[in-house]
C-alpha atoms as a PDB file:
ATOM      1  CA  MET A   1     -44.527 -47.052  13.982  1.00  0.00           C
ATOM      2  CA  THR A   2     -44.200 -49.635  16.652  1.00  0.00           C
ATOM      3  CA  LYS A   3     -42.777 -48.757  20.058  1.00  0.00           C
ATOM      4  CA  ARG A   4     -39.884 -51.443  19.632  1.00  0.00           C
ATOM      5  CA  ARG A   5     -39.017 -49.723  16.265  1.00  0.00           C
ATOM      6  CA  THR A   6     -39.163 -46.302  17.625  1.00  0.00           C
ATOM      7  CA  THR A   7     -36.939 -47.185  20.598  1.00  0.00           C
ATOM      8  CA  ARG A   8     -34.393 -49.044  18.145  1.00  0.00           C
ATOM      9  CA  LEU A   9     -34.163 -45.771  15.861  1.00  0.00           C
ATOM     10  CA  ALA A  10     -33.747 -43.627  18.773  1.00  0.00           C
ATOM     11  CA  SER A  11     -30.897 -45.950  19.963  1.00  0.00           C
ATOM     12  CA  ILE A  12     -29.216 -45.737  16.650  1.00  0.00           C
ATOM     13  CA  ALA A  13     -29.429 -41.906  16.671  1.00  0.00           C
ATOM     14  CA  GLY A  14     -28.185 -41.584  19.937  1.00  0.00           C
ATOM     15  CA  THR A  15     -25.276 -43.989  18.996  1.00  0.00           C
ATOM     16  CA  ALA A  16     -24.557 -41.973  15.763  1.00  0.00           C
ATOM     17  CA  LEU A  17     -24.555 -38.655  17.785  1.00  0.00           C
ATOM     18  CA  PHE A  18     -22.271 -40.210  20.444  1.00  0.00           C
ATOM     19  CA  SER A  19     -19.755 -41.507  17.818  1.00  0.00           C
ATOM     20  CA  LEU A  20     -19.789 -37.857  16.237  1.00  0.00           C
ATOM     21  CA  PHE A  21     -19.062 -36.396  19.729  1.00  0.00           C
ATOM     22  CA  LEU A  22     -16.210 -38.790  20.152  1.00  0.00           C
ATOM     23  CA  ALA A  23     -14.887 -37.998  16.670  1.00  0.00           C
ATOM     24  CA  THR A  24     -15.032 -34.144  17.177  1.00  0.00           C
ATOM     25  CA  SER A  25     -13.528 -34.528  20.749  1.00  0.00           C
ATOM     26  CA  ALA A  26     -10.522 -36.364  19.261  1.00  0.00           C
ATOM     27  CA  SER A  27     -10.155 -34.059  16.316  1.00  0.00           C
ATOM     28  CA  ALA A  28     -10.033 -31.210  18.722  1.00  0.00           C
ATOM     29  CA  ALA A  29      -7.583 -33.195  21.154  1.00  0.00           C
ATOM     30  CA  ASP A  30      -5.355 -33.800  18.009  1.00  0.00           C
ATOM     31  CA  VAL A  31      -5.375 -29.884  16.780  1.00  0.00           C
ATOM     32  CA  ALA A  32      -4.557 -28.971  20.534  1.00  0.00           C
ATOM     33  CA  ASN A  33      -1.597 -31.350  20.678  1.00  0.00           C
ATOM     34  CA  ILE A  34      -0.540 -29.999  17.078  1.00  0.00           C
ATOM     35  CA  ILE A  35      -0.629 -26.524  18.490  1.00  0.00           C
ATOM     36  CA  LYS A  36       1.338 -27.489  21.452  1.00  0.00           C
ATOM     37  CA  GLU A  37       4.035 -28.845  19.044  1.00  0.00           C
ATOM     38  CA  CYS A  38       3.869 -25.831  16.935  1.00  0.00           C
ATOM     39  CA  ASP A  39       4.354 -23.468  20.052  1.00  0.00           C
ATOM     40  CA  SER A  40       7.219 -25.453  20.910  1.00  0.00           C
ATOM     41  CA  CYS A  41       9.169 -23.975  17.902  1.00  0.00           C
ATOM     42  CA  HIS A  42       7.239 -20.741  17.291  1.00  0.00           C
ATOM     43  CA  GLY A  43       6.655 -19.775  20.830  1.00  0.00           C
ATOM     44  CA  LYS A  44       3.562 -19.319  22.755  1.00  0.00           C
ATOM     45  CA  ASP A  45       0.805 -18.425  20.365  1.00  0.00           C
ATOM     46  CA  GLY A  46       3.004 -18.324  17.512  1.00  0.00           C
ATOM     47  CA  ALA A  47       4.945 -15.281  19.100  1.00  0.00           C
ATOM     48  CA  SER A  48       8.467 -16.517  18.247  1.00  0.00           C
ATOM     49  CA  THR A  49      11.467 -15.533  20.462  1.00  0.00           C
ATOM     50  CA  THR A  50      13.923 -17.529  18.028  1.00  0.00           C
ATOM     51  CA  PRO A  51      15.193 -15.134  15.445  1.00  0.00           C
ATOM     52  CA  GLU A  52      15.678 -17.865  12.843  1.00  0.00           C
ATOM     53  CA  VAL A  53      11.997 -18.971  13.330  1.00  0.00           C
ATOM     54  CA  PRO A  54       9.344 -16.765  11.939  1.00  0.00           C
ATOM     55  CA  ILE A  55       6.449 -15.189  14.131  1.00  0.00           C
ATOM     56  CA  ILE A  56       2.996 -16.854  12.987  1.00  0.00           C
ATOM     57  CA  GLY A  57       0.611 -15.514  15.490  1.00  0.00           C
ATOM     58  CA  GLY A  58      -1.767 -13.105  13.805  1.00  0.00           C
ATOM     59  CA  ILE A  59      -0.818 -13.849  10.229  1.00  0.00           C
ATOM     60  CA  SER A  60      -3.626 -14.909   7.610  1.00  0.00           C
ATOM     61  CA  ALA A  61      -5.224 -18.190   8.000  1.00  0.00           C
ATOM     62  CA  VAL A  62      -4.838 -18.531   4.253  1.00  0.00           C
ATOM     63  CA  ILE A  63      -1.056 -17.670   4.323  1.00  0.00           C
ATOM     64  CA  LEU A  64      -0.482 -20.393   7.082  1.00  0.00           C
ATOM     65  CA  SER A  65      -2.481 -23.007   5.374  1.00  0.00           C
ATOM     66  CA  ASP A  66      -1.007 -22.380   2.168  1.00  0.00           C
ATOM     67  CA  SER A  67       2.467 -22.494   3.498  1.00  0.00           C
ATOM     68  CA  MET A  68       1.750 -25.945   5.202  1.00  0.00           C
ATOM     69  CA  ILE A  69       0.580 -27.229   1.907  1.00  0.00           C
ATOM     70  CA  ALA A  70       3.785 -26.086   0.304  1.00  0.00           C
ATOM     71  CA  TYR A  71       5.673 -27.746   3.037  1.00  0.00           C
ATOM     72  CA  LYS A  72       3.960 -31.009   2.600  1.00  0.00           C
ATOM     73  CA  GLY A  73       4.650 -30.944  -1.198  1.00  0.00           C
ATOM     74  CA  GLU A  74       8.391 -30.065  -0.402  1.00  0.00           C
ATOM     75  CA  GLU A  75       8.008 -26.976  -2.436  1.00  0.00           C
ATOM     76  CA  ARG A  76       9.795 -24.822   0.083  1.00  0.00           C
ATOM     77  CA  PRO A  77      13.314 -25.170   1.731  1.00  0.00           C
ATOM     78  CA  CYS A  78      13.176 -27.159   4.848  1.00  0.00           C
ATOM     79  CA  PRO A  79      16.177 -26.566   7.221  1.00  0.00           C
ATOM     80  CA  GLU A  80      16.462 -28.182  10.544  1.00  0.00           C
ATOM     81  CA  SER A  81      14.962 -26.532  13.463  1.00  0.00           C
ATOM     82  CA  GLU A  82      15.191 -27.256  17.167  1.00  0.00           C
ATOM     83  CA  TYR A  83      12.423 -27.443  19.537  1.00  0.00           C
ATOM     84  CA  VAL A  84      13.182 -24.782  22.130  1.00  0.00           C
ATOM     85  CA  ILE A  85      10.573 -25.861  24.799  1.00  0.00           C
ATOM     86  CA  GLY A  86       8.302 -28.609  25.623  1.00  0.00           C
ATOM     87  CA  ASP A  87       8.747 -32.515  25.738  1.00  0.00           C
ATOM     88  CA  LYS A  88      10.843 -32.447  22.546  1.00  0.00           C
ATOM     89  CA  LYS A  89      13.059 -29.783  23.512  1.00  0.00           C
ATOM     90  CA  GLY A  90      16.714 -30.192  21.876  1.00  0.00           C
ATOM     91  CA  GLN A  91      15.225 -32.532  19.262  1.00  0.00           C
ATOM     92  CA  LYS A  92      15.411 -31.598  15.559  1.00  0.00           C
ATOM     93  CA  THR A  93      12.793 -31.556  12.856  1.00  0.00           C
ATOM     94  CA  THR A  94      11.934 -29.735   9.565  1.00  0.00           C
ATOM     95  CA  MET A  95       8.657 -28.174   8.393  1.00  0.00           C
ATOM     96  CA  CYS A  96       8.385 -30.903   5.592  1.00  0.00           C
ATOM     97  CA  LYS A  97       8.386 -33.642   8.172  1.00  0.00           C
ATOM     98  CA  VAL A  98       5.722 -31.732  10.393  1.00  0.00           C
ATOM     99  CA  ALA A  99       3.391 -30.912   7.327  1.00  0.00           C
ATOM    100  CA  ALA A 100       3.625 -34.478   5.974  1.00  0.00           C
ATOM    101  CA  GLU A 101       1.804 -36.085   9.078  1.00  0.00           C
ATOM    102  CA  LEU A 102      -1.059 -33.466   8.911  1.00  0.00           C
ATOM    103  CA  SER A 103      -4.229 -33.215   6.835  1.00  0.00           C
ATOM    104  CA  GLU A 104      -5.577 -30.197   4.799  1.00  0.00           C
ATOM    105  CA  ASP A 105      -8.254 -29.637   7.328  1.00  0.00           C
ATOM    106  CA  GLN A 106      -5.753 -29.683  10.290  1.00  0.00           C
ATOM    107  CA  PHE A 107      -3.957 -26.861   8.228  1.00  0.00           C
ATOM    108  CA  ASN A 108      -6.998 -24.860   7.936  1.00  0.00           C
ATOM    109  CA  GLN A 109      -7.596 -25.471  11.677  1.00  0.00           C
ATOM    110  CA  LEU A 110      -4.072 -24.431  12.458  1.00  0.00           C
ATOM    111  CA  GLY A 111      -4.489 -21.261  10.181  1.00  0.00           C
ATOM    112  CA  ASP A 112      -7.744 -20.434  11.941  1.00  0.00           C
ATOM    113  CA  HIS A 113      -6.000 -20.770  15.639  1.00  0.00           C
ATOM    114  CA  TYR A 114      -2.926 -18.560  14.733  1.00  0.00           C
ATOM    115  CA  ALA A 115      -4.848 -15.895  12.757  1.00  0.00           C
ATOM    116  CA  GLY A 116      -6.940 -15.411  16.081  1.00  0.00           C
ATOM    117  CA  LYS A 117      -3.640 -14.316  17.793  1.00  0.00           C
ATOM    118  CA  PRO A 118      -1.720 -11.162  18.046  1.00  0.00           C
ATOM    119  CA  PHE A 119       1.238 -10.650  16.027  1.00  0.00           C
ATOM    120  CA  VAL A 120       3.865  -9.810  18.508  1.00  0.00           C
ATOM    121  CA  ARG A 121       6.435  -7.705  16.885  1.00  0.00           C
ATOM    122  CA  ALA A 122      10.196  -8.763  17.334  1.00  0.00           C
ATOM    123  CA  LYS A 123      12.037  -6.419  19.469  1.00  0.00           C
ATOM    124  CA  GLN A 124      15.689  -6.191  17.731  1.00  0.00           C
ATOM    125  CA  LYS A 125      18.425  -4.006  16.768  1.00  0.00           C
ATOM    126  CA  PHE A 126      18.126  -2.388  13.056  1.00  0.00           C
ATOM    127  CA  ASP A 127      20.057   0.369  11.126  1.00  0.00           C
ATOM    128  CA  PRO A 128      17.770   3.365  10.996  1.00  0.00           C
ATOM    129  CA  ALA A 129      19.653   4.486   7.894  1.00  0.00           C
ATOM    130  CA  LEU A 130      18.907   1.352   6.075  1.00  0.00           C
ATOM    131  CA  ALA A 131      15.338   1.467   7.083  1.00  0.00           C
ATOM    132  CA  ALA A 132      14.949   5.211   5.802  1.00  0.00           C
ATOM    133  CA  LYS A 133      16.483   3.879   2.354  1.00  0.00           C
ATOM    134  CA  GLY A 134      14.054   0.708   2.434  1.00  0.00           C
ATOM    135  CA  LYS A 135      10.779   2.583   2.838  1.00  0.00           C
ATOM    136  CA  PRO A 136      10.702   3.995  -0.749  1.00  0.00           C
ATOM    137  CA  VAL A 137      11.752   0.771  -2.179  1.00  0.00           C
ATOM    138  CA  HIS A 138       8.893  -0.856  -0.264  1.00  0.00           C
ATOM    139  CA  ASP A 139       6.352   1.917  -1.233  1.00  0.00           C
ATOM    140  CA  ASP A 140       7.464   1.437  -4.962  1.00  0.00           C
ATOM    141  CA  LEU A 141       7.654  -2.268  -5.391  1.00  0.00           C
ATOM    142  CA  CYS A 142       5.949  -3.943  -2.379  1.00  0.00           C
ATOM    143  CA  GLU A 143       3.104  -1.849  -1.127  1.00  0.00           C
ATOM    144  CA  LYS A 144       0.549  -2.871  -3.395  1.00  0.00           C
ATOM    145  CA  CYS A 145       0.490  -6.495  -2.006  1.00  0.00           C
ATOM    146  CA  HIS A 146       2.153  -5.914   1.451  1.00  0.00           C
ATOM    147  CA  GLU A 147       0.017  -3.219   2.431  1.00  0.00           C
ATOM    148  CA  GLU A 148       0.857  -0.415   5.284  1.00  0.00           C
ATOM    149  CA  GLY A 149       4.372  -1.572   5.361  1.00  0.00           C
ATOM    150  CA  GLY A 150       3.715  -5.050   5.254  1.00  0.00           C
ATOM    151  CA  SER A 151       1.569  -4.990   8.503  1.00  0.00           C
ATOM    152  CA  LEU A 152      -1.768  -6.269   7.492  1.00  0.00           C
ATOM    153  CA  ALA A 153      -2.779  -9.766   7.779  1.00  0.00           C
ATOM    154  CA  SER A 154      -5.791  -8.789   5.816  1.00  0.00           C
ATOM    155  CA  SER A 155      -3.662  -8.486   2.727  1.00  0.00           C
ATOM    156  CA  ASP A 156      -3.007 -12.389   2.581  1.00  0.00           C
ATOM    157  CA  ALA A 157       0.447 -11.748   1.805  1.00  0.00           C
ATOM    158  CA  GLY A 158       2.268 -12.442   5.059  1.00  0.00           C
ATOM    159  CA  ILE A 159       3.238 -10.030   7.749  1.00  0.00           C
ATOM    160  CA  LEU A 160       6.658  -8.461   7.298  1.00  0.00           C
ATOM    161  CA  ALA A 161       6.556  -5.763   9.823  1.00  0.00           C
ATOM    162  CA  GLY A 162       8.128  -6.611  12.947  1.00  0.00           C
ATOM    163  CA  GLN A 163       9.197 -10.011  11.583  1.00  0.00           C
ATOM    164  CA  TRP A 164      12.933 -11.245  12.730  1.00  0.00           C
ATOM    165  CA  ILE A 165      15.691 -10.142  10.607  1.00  0.00           C
ATOM    166  CA  PRO A 166      17.556 -13.793  10.301  1.00  0.00           C
ATOM    167  CA  TYR A 167      14.148 -15.253   9.339  1.00  0.00           C
ATOM    168  CA  MET A 168      13.670 -12.563   6.538  1.00  0.00           C
ATOM    169  CA  ARG A 169      17.351 -12.888   5.416  1.00  0.00           C
ATOM    170  CA  MET A 170      16.679 -16.382   5.095  1.00  0.00           C
ATOM    171  CA  ALA A 171      13.639 -15.989   3.144  1.00  0.00           C
ATOM    172  CA  PHE A 172      14.854 -13.400   0.754  1.00  0.00           C
ATOM    173  CA  LYS A 173      17.871 -15.799  -0.001  1.00  0.00           C
ATOM    174  CA  ASP A 174      15.462 -18.647  -0.778  1.00  0.00           C
ATOM    175  CA  TYR A 175      13.656 -16.233  -3.206  1.00  0.00           C
ATOM    176  CA  SER A 176      16.611 -14.960  -4.700  1.00  0.00           C
ATOM    177  CA  SER A 177      18.122 -18.634  -5.357  1.00  0.00           C
ATOM    178  CA  GLY A 178      14.770 -19.702  -6.833  1.00  0.00           C
ATOM    179  CA  ASP A 179      14.426 -22.359  -3.843  1.00  0.00           C
ATOM    180  CA  ARG A 180      11.104 -20.819  -2.948  1.00  0.00           C
ATOM    181  CA  ALA A 181       8.698 -19.970  -5.619  1.00  0.00           C
ATOM    182  CA  MET A 182       6.970 -16.715  -6.275  1.00  0.00           C
ATOM    183  CA  VAL A 183       3.786 -15.857  -8.122  1.00  0.00           C
ATOM    184  CA  LYS A 184       4.641 -13.963 -11.458  1.00  0.00           C
ATOM    185  CA  LYS A 185       3.528 -10.593 -10.125  1.00  0.00           C
ATOM    186  CA  MET A 186       5.888 -10.855  -7.183  1.00  0.00           C
ATOM    187  CA  LYS A 187       8.754 -12.103  -9.348  1.00  0.00           C
ATOM    188  CA  LYS A 188       8.420  -9.267 -11.783  1.00  0.00           C
ATOM    189  CA  LYS A 189       8.775  -6.818  -9.053  1.00  0.00           C
ATOM    190  CA  TYR A 190      11.416  -8.834  -7.085  1.00  0.00           C
ATOM    191  CA  ASP A 191      13.712  -9.119 -10.045  1.00  0.00           C
ATOM    192  CA  LYS A 192      14.241  -5.089  -9.864  1.00  0.00           C
ATOM    193  CA  LEU A 193      15.810  -5.767  -6.464  1.00  0.00           C
ATOM    194  CA  ASN A 194      19.607  -5.731  -5.789  1.00  0.00           C
ATOM    195  CA  GLU A 195      21.197  -6.881  -2.624  1.00  0.00           C
ATOM    196  CA  GLU A 196      21.475  -3.428  -1.160  1.00  0.00           C
ATOM    197  CA  ASP A 197      17.582  -2.984  -1.855  1.00  0.00           C
ATOM    198  CA  ILE A 198      16.855  -6.165  -0.159  1.00  0.00           C
ATOM    199  CA  GLU A 199      19.003  -5.387   3.033  1.00  0.00           C
ATOM    200  CA  ALA A 200      17.302  -2.013   3.186  1.00  0.00           C
ATOM    201  CA  LEU A 201      13.774  -3.446   3.082  1.00  0.00           C
ATOM    202  CA  ILE A 202      14.938  -6.099   5.749  1.00  0.00           C
ATOM    203  CA  HIS A 203      15.633  -2.996   8.194  1.00  0.00           C
ATOM    204  CA  TYR A 204      12.787  -1.283   6.918  1.00  0.00           C
ATOM    205  CA  TYR A 205      10.368  -4.217   8.093  1.00  0.00           C
ATOM    206  CA  ALA A 206      12.224  -4.529  11.189  1.00  0.00           C
ATOM    207  CA  SER A 207      11.925  -1.073  12.307  1.00  0.00           C
ATOM    208  CA  PHE A 208       8.368  -1.773  13.076  1.00  0.00           C
ATOM    209  CA  GLN A 209       8.361  -2.568  16.819  1.00  0.00           C
END
């Protein structure tokens, strides 16, 4: 191989590596900006301080990615939410609009990011009597998937223990109305719940603080 050809190949390889570096850096910057926007609603590291907005720090990467895919396909209700901090404070958006602008790869990166953060349980008032009634309901119908009182991210079923009461009420309402889909095994058990059971479950999960 001639010296000129060797030099040319080295130049091409160097250019390719530099292009890859720029693309990777741009991607990292994009994800950082997306995380910043997510934190504007969900709080720093996903530790929401807004009762209607779920805590997402510490949840399973699978759950977060799957949720974003559902929002992108408009398979979940998308009520308007307001940015509470940051450059867009006061502006309104929906999760469907946010998800529509992102790729599945970005969903996965967001999932990995928030899965690595702690789940900061909401400090909120709850009814101890209702919480006591909710525990056996959970143990009978929910514990198989939402293990240890719904506190394990590793269950890939969403963390319920310590989640905000207003958000949980909204989620249960969407399930009950059929606006939010359930897998068959969940629906079979969900259909056994009455309104009192649901309210008791909500207070049981809120009792984890």
